Protein backbone atom coordinates (compact mmCIF):
# COMPACT_ATOMS: atom_id res chain seq x y z
CA MET A 1 35.13 21.63 49.19
CA GLN A 2 36.32 23.71 46.26
CA LEU A 3 37.93 22.81 42.96
CA THR A 4 40.08 25.23 41.18
CA PHE A 5 42.67 25.00 38.32
CA GLU A 6 46.23 26.32 38.31
CA SER A 7 47.99 26.04 34.95
CA THR A 8 45.44 23.46 33.78
CA HIS A 9 46.28 21.40 36.87
CA PRO A 10 43.39 20.68 39.38
CA CYS A 11 43.54 21.74 43.05
CA VAL A 12 41.06 20.55 45.68
CA ARG A 13 40.66 22.71 48.89
CA ALA A 14 38.76 21.22 51.75
CA SER A 15 38.32 22.11 55.40
CA THR A 16 41.16 19.91 56.74
CA TYR A 17 43.49 19.76 53.72
CA SER A 18 44.35 20.78 50.18
CA LEU A 19 45.64 18.60 47.33
CA ALA A 20 47.34 19.83 44.25
CA PRO A 21 49.13 17.72 41.52
CA ALA A 22 52.57 19.34 40.88
CA THR A 23 53.06 20.80 37.43
CA ASP A 24 56.52 19.53 36.77
CA ARG A 25 56.74 16.16 38.41
CA PRO A 26 54.57 13.14 39.23
CA TYR A 27 53.76 14.28 42.74
CA VAL A 28 50.68 15.51 44.57
CA ILE A 29 51.20 18.14 47.17
CA LEU A 30 49.30 17.85 50.51
CA PHE A 31 48.84 21.23 52.24
CA ASP A 32 47.41 21.84 55.75
CA PRO A 33 44.43 24.31 56.17
CA GLN A 34 46.84 27.08 56.66
CA GLY A 35 48.53 26.47 53.28
CA LYS A 36 51.70 24.96 54.61
CA ARG A 37 53.21 22.17 52.49
CA ARG A 38 53.14 18.92 54.64
CA ALA A 39 53.92 16.12 52.11
CA GLU A 40 54.85 15.60 48.48
CA LEU A 41 53.20 12.32 47.52
CA PHE A 42 54.79 10.30 44.74
CA ALA A 43 51.55 9.43 42.71
CA LEU A 44 52.58 6.61 40.51
CA ALA A 45 52.95 3.57 42.81
CA GLY A 46 54.44 0.25 42.24
CA VAL A 47 52.29 -2.97 41.83
CA HIS A 48 54.71 -5.85 41.89
CA THR A 49 54.07 -9.50 40.98
CA LEU A 50 55.83 -12.86 40.98
CA THR A 51 56.75 -12.08 37.41
CA GLY A 52 58.75 -9.12 38.40
CA ARG A 53 58.95 -5.33 39.49
CA ASP A 54 56.60 -2.83 38.20
CA ASP A 55 58.18 0.19 36.37
CA THR A 56 55.96 3.00 35.35
CA VAL A 57 56.98 3.92 31.77
CA ALA A 58 54.57 6.59 30.66
CA VAL A 59 52.18 9.06 32.33
CA GLY A 60 49.00 10.64 31.08
CA ALA A 61 47.22 13.77 32.09
CA TRP A 62 45.19 14.40 35.24
CA THR A 63 41.42 14.14 34.77
CA VAL A 64 38.70 15.31 37.20
CA GLU A 65 35.38 13.91 37.95
CA GLU A 66 32.85 15.53 40.29
CA HIS A 67 30.32 13.59 42.13
CA PRO A 68 27.96 14.55 45.12
CA GLY A 69 30.29 14.91 48.10
CA GLU A 70 33.42 13.93 46.19
CA ILE A 71 36.01 15.14 43.72
CA CYS A 72 38.13 12.45 42.08
CA LEU A 73 41.47 13.21 40.48
CA SER A 74 42.63 10.43 38.15
CA LEU A 75 45.82 9.66 36.32
CA THR A 76 46.29 6.87 33.92
CA VAL A 77 49.72 5.48 33.44
CA ALA A 78 51.55 2.73 31.42
CA SER A 79 53.46 -0.01 33.14
CA SER A 80 56.15 -2.61 32.42
CA LEU A 81 53.87 -5.32 33.93
CA TRP A 82 50.31 -4.18 33.60
CA GLN A 83 48.36 -3.20 30.51
CA ARG A 84 47.13 -0.08 32.41
CA LYS A 85 47.38 1.46 35.80
CA THR A 86 45.04 4.15 37.05
CA ILE A 87 45.80 6.36 40.13
CA ARG A 88 42.93 8.06 41.96
CA PHE A 89 42.71 10.61 44.74
CA ARG A 90 39.13 10.49 46.06
CA CYS A 91 38.66 13.70 47.87
CA GLN A 92 35.85 14.41 50.36
CA ALA A 93 35.03 17.30 52.71
CA GLU A 94 37.14 16.15 55.55
CA ARG A 95 39.26 13.25 54.35
CA PHE A 96 40.59 11.77 51.17
CA SER A 97 41.82 8.29 49.99
CA TYR A 98 44.36 7.15 47.45
CA GLU A 99 43.43 4.29 45.11
CA ILE A 100 45.27 2.04 42.54
CA GLU A 101 43.56 0.10 39.80
CA VAL A 102 45.38 -2.28 37.51
CA GLU A 103 44.49 -4.11 34.36
CA GLY A 104 46.31 -7.21 33.37
CA ARG A 105 47.32 -10.41 34.71
CA GLY A 106 49.71 -11.41 37.68
CA ASP A 107 50.10 -12.67 41.25
CA LEU A 108 50.54 -9.73 43.61
CA THR A 109 53.52 -9.84 45.89
CA ASP A 110 53.96 -6.25 47.25
CA VAL A 111 52.29 -2.88 46.41
CA THR A 112 54.20 0.25 46.98
CA TYR A 113 52.07 3.39 47.74
CA PHE A 114 53.58 6.83 47.37
CA GLY A 115 56.77 5.25 45.97
CA GLY A 116 57.98 2.87 43.26
CA TYR A 117 59.98 2.49 40.12
CA SER A 118 59.49 5.00 37.22
CA SER A 119 61.35 5.75 34.05
CA ALA A 120 58.58 7.82 32.61
CA HIS A 121 60.26 11.32 33.08
CA VAL A 122 63.68 11.70 31.41
CA ARG A 123 64.13 14.94 33.35
CA TRP A 124 64.10 13.06 36.73
CA GLY A 125 65.97 10.00 35.73
CA SER A 126 64.79 6.47 36.46
CA GLY A 127 64.84 4.07 39.46
CA HIS A 128 62.96 3.96 42.72
CA PHE A 129 61.11 7.20 43.79
CA TRP A 130 59.95 8.31 47.26
CA SER A 131 57.62 10.71 48.78
CA TRP A 132 58.65 13.63 51.06
CA HIS A 133 56.98 14.56 54.40
CA ASP A 134 56.98 17.10 57.13
CA TRP A 135 55.80 14.71 59.79
CA LYS A 136 57.00 15.63 63.28
CA ARG A 137 56.15 12.37 64.89
CA GLY A 138 54.93 8.89 64.02
CA PHE A 139 52.41 6.63 65.83
CA ASN A 140 52.08 2.89 65.36
CA PRO A 141 49.11 1.23 67.28
CA GLU A 142 50.61 -2.17 67.29
CA PRO A 143 52.16 -3.20 70.64
CA THR A 144 55.66 -4.66 70.43
CA SER A 145 58.09 -5.95 73.09
CA GLN A 146 59.74 -2.43 72.90
CA GLU A 147 56.37 -0.74 73.63
CA GLN A 148 57.30 2.13 71.44
CA VAL A 149 53.95 3.66 70.47
CA PHE A 150 55.61 6.89 68.99
CA PHE A 151 58.47 6.81 66.66
CA ASN A 152 60.76 9.02 64.56
CA PRO A 153 59.13 9.29 61.14
CA ALA A 154 62.70 9.15 59.64
CA ALA A 155 62.75 5.50 60.66
CA SER A 156 60.67 2.54 59.34
CA SER A 157 57.76 0.82 61.14
CA ALA A 158 55.42 -2.07 60.48
CA ILE A 159 51.98 -3.48 61.31
CA ASP A 160 51.62 -7.18 60.72
CA LEU A 161 49.43 -10.26 61.31
CA GLY A 162 51.98 -12.42 62.98
CA GLY A 163 54.91 -12.36 65.26
CA VAL A 164 57.30 -14.27 67.55
CA PRO A 165 59.68 -13.13 70.34
CA LEU A 166 62.64 -12.81 67.86
CA PRO A 167 64.52 -9.66 66.65
CA GLY A 168 62.17 -7.58 64.41
CA LYS A 169 59.27 -9.83 64.86
CA ALA A 170 58.21 -9.17 68.53
CA SER A 171 54.73 -7.86 67.66
CA TRP A 172 52.52 -10.85 68.48
CA PHE A 173 50.44 -8.98 71.12
CA PHE A 174 47.68 -7.82 68.80
CA THR A 175 47.25 -9.91 65.49
CA PRO A 176 46.32 -7.50 64.13
CA PRO A 177 45.42 -4.00 65.34
CA PRO A 178 44.12 -1.59 62.66
CA PHE A 179 46.44 -1.36 59.61
CA ALA A 180 46.89 2.38 60.24
CA PHE A 181 49.60 4.72 61.28
CA ALA A 182 49.29 8.39 62.37
CA PHE A 183 51.83 11.27 61.95
CA GLY A 184 52.05 14.59 63.66
CA LEU A 185 51.49 17.76 61.72
CA GLY A 186 52.08 20.37 64.23
CA LYS A 187 48.96 20.64 66.25
CA ARG A 188 47.07 18.20 63.95
CA TRP A 189 47.60 14.57 63.14
CA VAL A 190 46.88 12.76 59.99
CA GLY A 191 45.94 8.95 60.08
CA ILE A 192 46.86 6.78 57.15
CA GLY A 193 45.24 3.44 57.02
CA VAL A 194 44.27 0.53 54.78
CA GLU A 195 40.73 0.49 53.39
CA ALA A 196 39.60 -2.65 51.62
CA VAL A 197 36.22 -4.02 50.64
CA PRO A 198 35.18 -7.20 52.31
CA CYS A 199 36.98 -10.25 51.06
CA ALA A 200 39.77 -8.14 49.63
CA ASN A 201 41.81 -7.95 52.90
CA ARG A 202 44.32 -10.37 51.48
CA TYR A 203 47.46 -8.57 52.83
CA SER A 204 49.64 -9.58 55.72
CA GLN A 205 51.72 -6.59 56.52
CA LEU A 206 51.70 -2.78 56.09
CA THR A 207 55.16 -1.19 56.23
CA TYR A 208 55.94 2.48 56.59
CA ARG A 209 59.35 2.66 54.80
CA ALA A 210 61.51 5.61 55.48
CA GLN A 211 64.95 6.81 54.45
CA SER A 212 66.57 10.21 54.72
CA GLY A 213 64.13 12.68 53.08
CA GLY A 214 61.78 10.05 51.77
CA PHE A 215 59.06 7.67 52.60
CA ALA A 216 56.69 5.10 51.06
CA PHE A 217 54.16 2.46 52.16
CA ASP A 218 54.36 -1.18 51.24
CA LEU A 219 51.38 -3.60 51.51
CA SER A 220 52.35 -7.37 51.39
CA PHE A 221 50.25 -9.83 49.46
CA ASP A 222 52.97 -12.64 49.40
CA GLY A 223 51.96 -13.94 46.07
CA TYR A 224 48.47 -15.19 46.83
CA THR A 225 46.26 -12.56 45.12
CA HIS A 226 45.77 -13.48 41.44
CA VAL A 227 44.61 -10.79 39.10
CA ASP A 228 43.23 -11.50 35.70
CA GLY A 229 41.37 -8.47 34.32
CA THR A 230 40.66 -5.25 36.29
CA TYR A 231 41.53 -5.21 39.99
CA THR A 232 41.30 -2.36 42.53
CA LEU A 233 43.73 -2.50 45.25
CA PRO A 234 42.89 -1.54 48.87
CA ALA A 235 43.05 2.18 49.28
CA LEU A 236 44.98 4.26 51.84
CA GLY A 237 42.70 6.62 53.52
CA PHE A 238 43.77 10.01 55.15
CA ASP A 239 41.94 11.24 58.19
CA PHE A 240 42.76 14.33 60.19
CA ALA A 241 42.30 14.62 63.98
CA PRO A 242 43.73 16.48 67.01
CA ASP A 243 45.64 13.59 68.29
CA ALA A 244 47.07 10.18 67.30
CA TYR A 245 44.38 8.06 68.96
CA ALA A 246 41.64 10.26 67.49
CA ALA A 247 43.23 9.78 63.96
CA LEU A 248 43.14 6.02 64.65
CA GLY A 249 39.47 6.39 65.61
CA CYS A 250 38.60 8.30 62.41
CA HIS A 251 40.22 5.49 60.34
CA VAL A 252 38.14 3.01 62.10
CA GLN A 253 35.00 5.05 61.62
CA ALA A 254 35.66 5.39 57.94
CA LEU A 255 35.94 1.60 57.60
CA ARG A 256 32.41 1.41 59.11
CA ASP A 257 30.97 4.36 57.19
CA GLN A 258 32.01 2.53 53.90
CA GLN A 259 30.65 -0.79 55.24
CA PHE A 260 34.21 -2.23 55.12
CA ALA A 261 33.80 -3.29 58.79
CA VAL A 262 30.78 -3.91 60.98
CA SER A 263 29.25 -1.18 63.09
CA PRO A 264 29.28 -1.63 66.97
CA HIS A 265 26.21 -3.65 68.05
CA THR A 266 23.97 -2.49 70.84
CA ALA A 267 22.50 -5.82 72.00
CA ASP A 268 22.66 -6.62 75.73
CA LEU A 269 25.55 -8.85 76.58
CA PRO A 270 25.26 -11.82 78.96
CA ALA A 271 25.99 -10.41 82.40
CA TRP A 272 28.54 -13.24 83.13
CA TRP A 273 30.71 -12.04 80.35
CA ASN A 274 31.68 -9.03 82.66
CA GLU A 275 32.65 -11.24 85.56
CA PRO A 276 36.24 -11.11 86.98
CA ILE A 277 38.44 -13.81 85.42
CA TYR A 278 40.82 -16.24 87.06
CA CYS A 279 43.22 -17.86 84.56
CA GLY A 280 45.54 -20.57 85.94
CA TRP A 281 48.52 -19.92 83.64
CA GLY A 282 50.48 -17.75 86.12
CA SER A 283 49.87 -20.45 88.87
CA GLN A 284 50.99 -23.12 86.48
CA CYS A 285 54.21 -21.19 85.86
CA HIS A 286 54.87 -20.86 89.47
CA VAL A 287 54.56 -24.52 90.06
CA ALA A 288 56.65 -25.29 87.05
CA ALA A 289 59.33 -22.91 88.19
CA MET A 290 59.38 -24.69 91.67
CA ALA A 291 59.72 -28.05 89.93
CA GLY A 292 62.08 -26.89 87.17
CA GLU A 293 59.79 -28.13 84.47
CA ARG A 294 57.46 -26.82 81.64
CA ALA A 295 54.39 -24.88 82.69
CA PRO A 296 51.97 -26.63 80.13
CA ASP A 297 52.74 -29.94 81.97
CA PHE A 298 50.77 -28.45 85.15
CA ALA A 299 47.49 -27.80 83.56
CA ARG A 300 46.02 -30.40 85.79
CA GLN A 301 42.68 -30.87 87.54
CA PRO A 302 44.12 -31.41 91.09
CA LEU A 303 46.19 -28.23 90.80
CA TYR A 304 43.34 -26.19 89.47
CA GLU A 305 41.22 -27.38 92.35
CA GLU A 306 44.03 -26.29 94.77
CA PHE A 307 44.38 -22.91 92.95
CA LEU A 308 40.66 -22.15 93.22
CA GLY A 309 40.56 -23.57 96.82
CA ALA A 310 43.40 -20.97 97.79
CA LEU A 311 41.39 -18.07 96.25
CA GLU A 312 38.23 -19.15 97.92
CA HIS A 313 40.08 -19.31 101.25
CA HIS A 314 41.05 -15.65 100.92
CA GLY A 315 37.56 -14.53 99.71
CA ILE A 316 38.56 -14.12 96.05
CA VAL A 317 35.58 -15.29 93.88
CA PRO A 318 36.05 -15.14 90.18
CA GLY A 319 33.00 -15.45 87.86
CA ILE A 320 35.09 -17.03 84.96
CA VAL A 321 37.76 -19.67 85.16
CA VAL A 322 40.12 -20.24 82.33
CA LEU A 323 41.82 -23.68 81.99
CA ASP A 324 45.07 -22.79 80.21
CA ASP A 325 47.85 -24.48 78.14
CA LYS A 326 47.77 -27.50 77.92
CA TRP A 327 44.71 -29.18 79.28
CA GLN A 328 44.21 -30.94 75.87
CA LEU A 329 46.03 -34.13 74.64
CA THR A 330 46.72 -32.31 71.29
CA TYR A 331 46.60 -28.69 70.24
CA GLY A 332 44.96 -29.51 66.94
CA ASP A 333 42.07 -31.78 68.16
CA ASN A 334 41.42 -30.26 71.63
CA ARG A 335 40.28 -33.45 73.26
CA VAL A 336 40.91 -33.62 76.98
CA ASP A 337 44.06 -35.25 78.27
CA PRO A 338 42.72 -37.86 80.64
CA ALA A 339 46.06 -38.14 82.43
CA LYS A 340 45.64 -34.56 83.52
CA TRP A 341 41.89 -34.23 83.86
CA HIS A 342 40.36 -37.42 85.22
CA ASP A 343 36.87 -35.80 85.14
CA LEU A 344 36.82 -32.51 83.16
CA ARG A 345 33.12 -32.63 82.96
CA GLY A 346 32.89 -33.09 86.77
CA PHE A 347 35.12 -30.16 87.26
CA ILE A 348 33.00 -27.90 84.96
CA ASP A 349 29.88 -29.08 86.57
CA ALA A 350 31.39 -28.14 90.04
CA GLN A 351 32.22 -24.66 88.77
CA HIS A 352 28.81 -24.18 87.41
CA ALA A 353 27.26 -25.29 90.76
CA ALA A 354 29.46 -22.63 92.36
CA GLY A 355 28.18 -20.02 89.96
CA ARG A 356 31.32 -19.75 87.76
CA LYS A 357 31.79 -20.14 84.00
CA VAL A 358 34.61 -22.04 82.36
CA LEU A 359 36.59 -21.13 79.31
CA LEU A 360 38.97 -23.52 77.59
CA TRP A 361 42.14 -22.27 76.32
CA LEU A 362 42.94 -22.98 72.48
CA LYS A 363 46.19 -22.72 70.60
CA ALA A 364 45.37 -21.16 67.23
CA TRP A 365 46.90 -22.71 64.09
CA ASP A 366 48.83 -25.51 65.79
CA ALA A 367 48.62 -28.60 63.69
CA GLU A 368 49.52 -31.13 66.47
CA GLY A 369 47.57 -34.26 65.92
CA ILE A 370 46.06 -33.12 62.57
CA PRO A 371 46.78 -34.98 59.30
CA ALA A 372 49.08 -33.22 56.90
CA ASP A 373 46.29 -33.10 54.22
CA GLU A 374 44.26 -30.87 56.43
CA CYS A 375 47.11 -28.46 57.06
CA ILE A 376 48.94 -25.57 55.52
CA THR A 377 52.37 -26.80 54.36
CA ASN A 378 55.53 -25.35 52.93
CA ALA A 379 57.22 -26.57 49.73
CA ALA A 380 59.00 -29.28 51.71
CA GLY A 381 55.63 -30.69 52.99
CA VAL A 382 56.19 -29.35 56.67
CA LYS A 383 53.01 -28.80 58.42
CA LEU A 384 52.93 -25.09 59.48
CA ALA A 385 49.29 -24.71 60.54
CA VAL A 386 45.82 -26.17 60.38
CA ASP A 387 44.06 -25.17 57.13
CA PRO A 388 40.74 -23.45 57.88
CA THR A 389 39.97 -23.35 54.08
CA ASN A 390 40.00 -27.14 53.99
CA PRO A 391 36.42 -28.65 54.37
CA ALA A 392 37.85 -31.76 56.17
CA PHE A 393 39.56 -29.60 58.90
CA GLU A 394 36.64 -27.35 59.13
CA GLN A 395 34.47 -30.31 59.93
CA ARG A 396 36.94 -31.61 62.47
CA PHE A 397 37.20 -28.18 64.04
CA ARG A 398 33.44 -27.66 64.26
CA GLU A 399 32.99 -31.13 65.89
CA SER A 400 35.74 -30.56 68.43
CA ILE A 401 34.02 -27.17 69.35
CA ARG A 402 30.77 -29.12 69.84
CA VAL A 403 32.53 -31.65 72.17
CA MET A 404 34.14 -28.89 74.22
CA LEU A 405 30.84 -26.94 74.71
CA GLN A 406 28.47 -29.73 74.76
CA ASP A 407 30.07 -32.80 76.08
CA TYR A 408 32.41 -31.10 78.40
CA ASP A 409 29.88 -28.25 78.95
CA ALA A 410 32.54 -25.48 78.71
CA ASP A 411 31.18 -21.93 78.27
CA GLY A 412 33.59 -20.42 75.64
CA PHE A 413 37.21 -20.08 74.55
CA LYS A 414 40.34 -18.08 75.23
CA LEU A 415 42.08 -18.20 71.78
CA ASP A 416 45.84 -17.75 72.04
CA PHE A 417 48.77 -17.80 69.49
CA THR A 418 46.82 -16.25 66.59
CA ALA A 419 50.22 -14.71 65.72
CA ARG A 420 51.33 -17.98 64.25
CA ILE A 421 49.16 -17.52 61.22
CA PRO A 422 51.22 -18.52 58.08
CA THR A 423 52.58 -15.57 56.10
CA SER A 424 55.35 -16.99 54.01
CA PRO A 425 55.15 -17.03 50.22
CA GLY A 426 54.87 -20.39 48.29
CA LEU A 427 52.70 -22.18 50.90
CA ARG A 428 50.18 -24.82 49.98
CA LEU A 429 46.61 -24.54 51.24
CA TYR A 430 43.19 -25.81 49.98
CA GLU A 431 41.73 -22.60 49.07
CA ASN A 432 43.38 -19.33 48.04
CA VAL A 433 42.42 -17.32 51.08
CA TRP A 434 45.21 -15.23 52.51
CA GLY A 435 46.20 -12.46 55.04
CA LEU A 436 43.59 -10.96 57.17
CA GLU A 437 40.93 -12.98 55.31
CA LEU A 438 42.66 -16.16 56.37
CA MET A 439 42.49 -14.93 60.02
CA LYS A 440 38.74 -14.02 59.59
CA ARG A 441 38.12 -17.56 58.01
CA TYR A 442 39.65 -19.20 61.17
CA LEU A 443 37.80 -16.96 63.60
CA SER A 444 34.57 -17.24 61.69
CA ILE A 445 34.53 -21.06 62.05
CA LEU A 446 35.31 -20.91 65.75
CA TYR A 447 32.79 -18.21 66.32
CA SER A 448 29.82 -19.63 64.34
CA ALA A 449 30.41 -23.15 65.58
CA ALA A 450 30.45 -21.95 69.23
CA LYS A 451 27.37 -19.82 68.91
CA SER A 452 25.54 -22.80 67.23
CA VAL A 453 26.09 -24.90 70.40
CA LYS A 454 25.64 -22.13 73.04
CA ARG A 455 24.34 -18.78 72.11
CA ASP A 456 26.05 -17.14 75.10
CA ALA A 457 29.44 -18.82 74.43
CA LEU A 458 32.26 -16.25 74.95
CA VAL A 459 34.94 -16.14 72.36
CA MET A 460 38.10 -14.22 73.37
CA ALA A 461 41.01 -13.46 71.18
CA HIS A 462 43.70 -10.73 70.76
CA THR A 463 42.72 -9.61 67.33
CA PRO A 464 41.37 -6.06 67.65
CA HIS A 465 40.77 -5.21 63.96
CA PRO A 466 37.43 -3.71 63.06
CA TYR A 467 37.05 -6.28 60.17
CA LEU A 468 37.14 -9.03 62.82
CA ALA A 469 34.74 -7.39 65.29
CA ASP A 470 31.84 -9.68 64.34
CA VAL A 471 33.73 -12.91 64.98
CA LEU A 472 34.76 -12.16 68.61
CA ASP A 473 33.17 -11.16 71.97
CA MET A 474 36.32 -10.02 74.03
CA ILE A 475 39.68 -8.60 73.24
CA ARG A 476 42.51 -9.90 75.43
CA LEU A 477 45.27 -7.46 75.95
CA ASN A 478 47.75 -10.24 75.99
CA ASP A 479 50.96 -10.94 77.83
CA VAL A 480 52.58 -8.22 79.86
CA ASN A 481 56.03 -7.04 78.95
CA ALA A 482 57.95 -7.58 82.17
CA GLY A 483 60.85 -5.45 81.20
CA LYS A 484 58.67 -2.27 80.46
CA PRO A 485 56.40 -0.20 82.65
CA VAL A 486 53.13 -2.21 82.81
CA ASN A 487 50.42 0.32 83.31
CA PRO A 488 51.28 2.70 80.35
CA ALA A 489 51.62 -0.35 78.01
CA MET A 490 48.35 -1.81 79.02
CA THR A 491 46.59 1.42 78.93
CA HIS A 492 47.67 1.91 75.26
CA ARG A 493 46.47 -1.52 74.32
CA ALA A 494 43.10 -1.01 75.95
CA ARG A 495 42.70 2.27 74.03
CA VAL A 496 43.50 0.72 70.75
CA ALA A 497 41.23 -2.29 71.37
CA THR A 498 38.32 -0.08 72.44
CA LEU A 499 38.68 2.13 69.32
CA ALA A 500 38.91 -0.89 67.02
CA CYS A 501 36.09 -3.05 68.55
CA PRO A 502 33.98 -0.87 70.83
CA SER A 503 31.41 -3.65 71.21
CA ALA A 504 33.89 -6.05 72.51
CA LEU A 505 34.71 -6.43 76.26
CA ILE A 506 38.34 -6.18 77.29
CA ASP A 507 40.26 -8.95 79.16
CA THR A 508 42.99 -7.01 80.98
CA ASP A 509 45.35 -10.06 81.36
CA ASN A 510 47.72 -10.14 84.31
CA TRP A 511 50.86 -12.10 83.30
CA GLN A 512 53.84 -11.88 83.35
CA MET A 513 54.54 -9.45 86.09
CA PRO A 514 58.06 -8.31 86.85
CA ASP A 515 57.46 -8.19 90.65
CA LYS A 516 54.69 -7.73 93.07
CA ALA A 517 54.70 -4.07 93.22
CA ALA A 518 53.97 -3.90 89.52
CA TRP A 519 51.22 -6.47 89.93
CA ARG A 520 49.69 -4.60 92.84
CA ALA A 521 49.58 -1.33 90.73
CA TYR A 522 48.11 -3.08 87.71
CA VAL A 523 45.41 -4.80 89.89
CA GLN A 524 44.20 -1.33 90.83
CA LEU A 525 44.25 -0.09 87.13
CA GLN A 526 42.52 -3.08 85.55
CA PRO A 527 38.92 -2.16 86.32
CA THR A 528 39.30 1.17 84.60
CA LEU A 529 40.54 -0.67 81.47
CA GLY A 530 38.04 -3.63 81.25
CA VAL A 531 37.27 -6.91 82.92
CA PRO A 532 39.62 -7.65 85.81
CA SER A 533 41.79 -10.79 85.29
CA LEU A 534 43.90 -12.64 87.84
CA TYR A 535 46.67 -15.08 86.96
CA TYR A 536 48.00 -15.85 90.39
CA ALA A 537 46.64 -17.82 93.22
CA THR A 538 49.41 -18.04 95.84
CA HIS A 539 52.62 -16.71 94.36
CA ILE A 540 54.03 -14.27 91.73
CA ASP A 541 55.86 -16.74 89.39
CA SER A 542 58.60 -14.38 88.20
CA THR A 543 59.95 -13.71 91.74
CA GLY A 544 58.41 -16.44 93.74
CA ALA A 545 56.92 -13.82 96.08
CA ALA A 546 53.94 -15.15 98.09
CA LEU A 547 50.65 -13.34 98.11
CA THR A 548 49.87 -11.94 101.48
CA GLU A 549 46.53 -11.06 103.01
CA GLU A 550 47.10 -7.43 102.10
CA ASP A 551 47.50 -8.65 98.52
CA TYR A 552 44.27 -10.65 98.58
CA ALA A 553 42.57 -7.64 100.19
CA LEU A 554 43.66 -5.49 97.25
CA VAL A 555 42.13 -7.88 94.88
CA ARG A 556 38.92 -8.21 96.83
CA ALA A 557 38.55 -4.43 96.99
CA ALA A 558 39.17 -3.95 93.26
CA TRP A 559 36.82 -6.58 92.20
CA ALA A 560 34.10 -5.35 94.70
CA GLN A 561 34.32 -1.90 93.32
CA TYR A 562 34.28 -3.06 89.74
CA ARG A 563 31.20 -5.33 90.45
CA LYS A 564 29.41 -2.33 92.04
CA GLU A 565 30.06 -0.18 89.03
CA GLN A 566 28.93 -2.92 86.69
CA ALA A 567 25.73 -3.22 88.74
CA CYS A 568 25.11 0.39 88.35
CA THR A 569 25.79 0.64 84.70
CA GLY A 570 23.87 -2.59 83.94
C-alpha cells in the first residue's frame, strides 16, 4: 500500500484498488488496479434524525493518518443538524471501509452513504447529491419471490429484516442474510456491506438507491437510535473478489476478522442433527386441501401418526420429525392444544423409542395469548409482537421453552415467521433495542433457554446472518417458490447460508412444490445442499398427485446415499 500526494490531495494505491479525493468536488474516486475509474463516491453523507434532514453546510480539508497496516483519510464537515461530522476512509492492503462519525444529539432515522444533501459548494449548487458508478451488474444475496439474484445496477434493490407476500415486501425467506451487495467491475467484483460493532446493529434495512447516472446507500434506523455526544455509525466495507459469492464471503470474513461476528466453531455436533427430516406441514396442507379447510387445523396427533405410518410402510425412516403449525393452543404461549394432541408426551416418547427426535414448530413474534403489556405495540395500542426486551415476557418465554423440552420432552425447535419482526417507527417496547439487535435478543433467549434444558437441543431458523451465528444451529432454506425454477433458487440460498454461517447445518426444506417432477428433481439435489427434508407422506399437496412406489424408492435412495456419506465424513 502506497500513499502519494497530488496537488496536496492524498492518493492511496493498494493491490486491489486506488482511492483519490477529487481536487475540485466532494468526491473520492475509486480506481481498479489497472487505473480505470470505477466509481465517484460522494464523500459527505447524510445522517438524518427525527428532527429533520441533514444538510452539509461547510467542508474542511482532507487529513491523513498512517497506522500499521492502515492509511486513514479523514474529512471534517459542518452540518445543519450536527455539531460536527467526520468522514473516514480506512484503507488497508486489500480492502477499505467508509465510516461516519457525528457529534451532537438526535434520534437517527436514515443514514445516506455516498449521497445526501449539501449546500457547501456554491459552484455545484445545493440539494441532494449522488455517487457515480461503472458497475456492470448487481448482486443481492436476499431471496425474494422473484428469485432475481442479479440485477441491473441502474435499478434500486434492498436487503431487510422482514417481509410478507405483498408487492415490494416479498423477502421473508432469509431474515436477514448478510447486509451486503456485490457489483461487477469487469472481471472483478466489489462487495459493499455493513460493518457494525456488537450491539450497534440497530438498523432494519440496507437499500441500494439508484437513478439514472447515480447511486447511494440508505441504512434505516427508524428513529430508535438516540445519539447524545459522539457516535460512530456502522461502516460500509469494500471487498474485492473474482465473483459475487466470493465477494460476499470476503464481507463475512471481514466481520469475523474485526470480531463483529463470531468465528465458525469446530466442536463436534450431535450426530442426530444430521439425520433426514420429516416435517408434517406439506401433509397437513394436502389434508386441508381435500377438506377445503385451513392447514393449521390439521396439526393433529392421529394424523401425524398416520403420516409416519405411511412413510414407515414404504421404508422411509426419518431421524427427525417436525410437528408444524399449529400443534399449540396459542402461538405466544406454546402450550399444547389438548383437542389436537391428546398425549403429546406419549407421542414424543414413541418417537424416541423408534430412534427419532422431535422438533416443535414455533411462530416467532406472534402475540396470540400474551398480555398487551408484554408486547410491542403501535401508537394505537395494537399488539404487533411479543417484546423480548420485556423481563416479564422473557420469563414467560423461558418457562414455555422449559415445558416444551422438559415436560413434553421435545428435542428442539423449528422457528418460523421471523420476518414478522416489527420495523415501523413510533412503536412502544420495554427497552430500546432495535433492528438486527432485536432479532438477536429474541433468538438469544430461545437459544440460551433451550441449551439450559437440553445441551443438544436443536434450534433451527432462517436467519443466516453472521452476527446471529452463535444463536442458532441450523439454517432452514425456507419455503420453495412454486412459480420459479426450484433447484437454482435453493442452490443460491444454500450458498448464501453456508457463507454466512458455515458452522450451521442446512435444512433444505421441501415445500411448496409446483408438481411432482420438480419435487423429484429436488429430492435428488437436497443431499448436496444439506440435510434432506421431506414434507410429504402420501401426496403432493399443490396438485394432489399421489406418491408412488417409484417416488418412495427415490427418497430411500437419496437418504441412503446421504447417510452413507455422513458416516464416511463423521
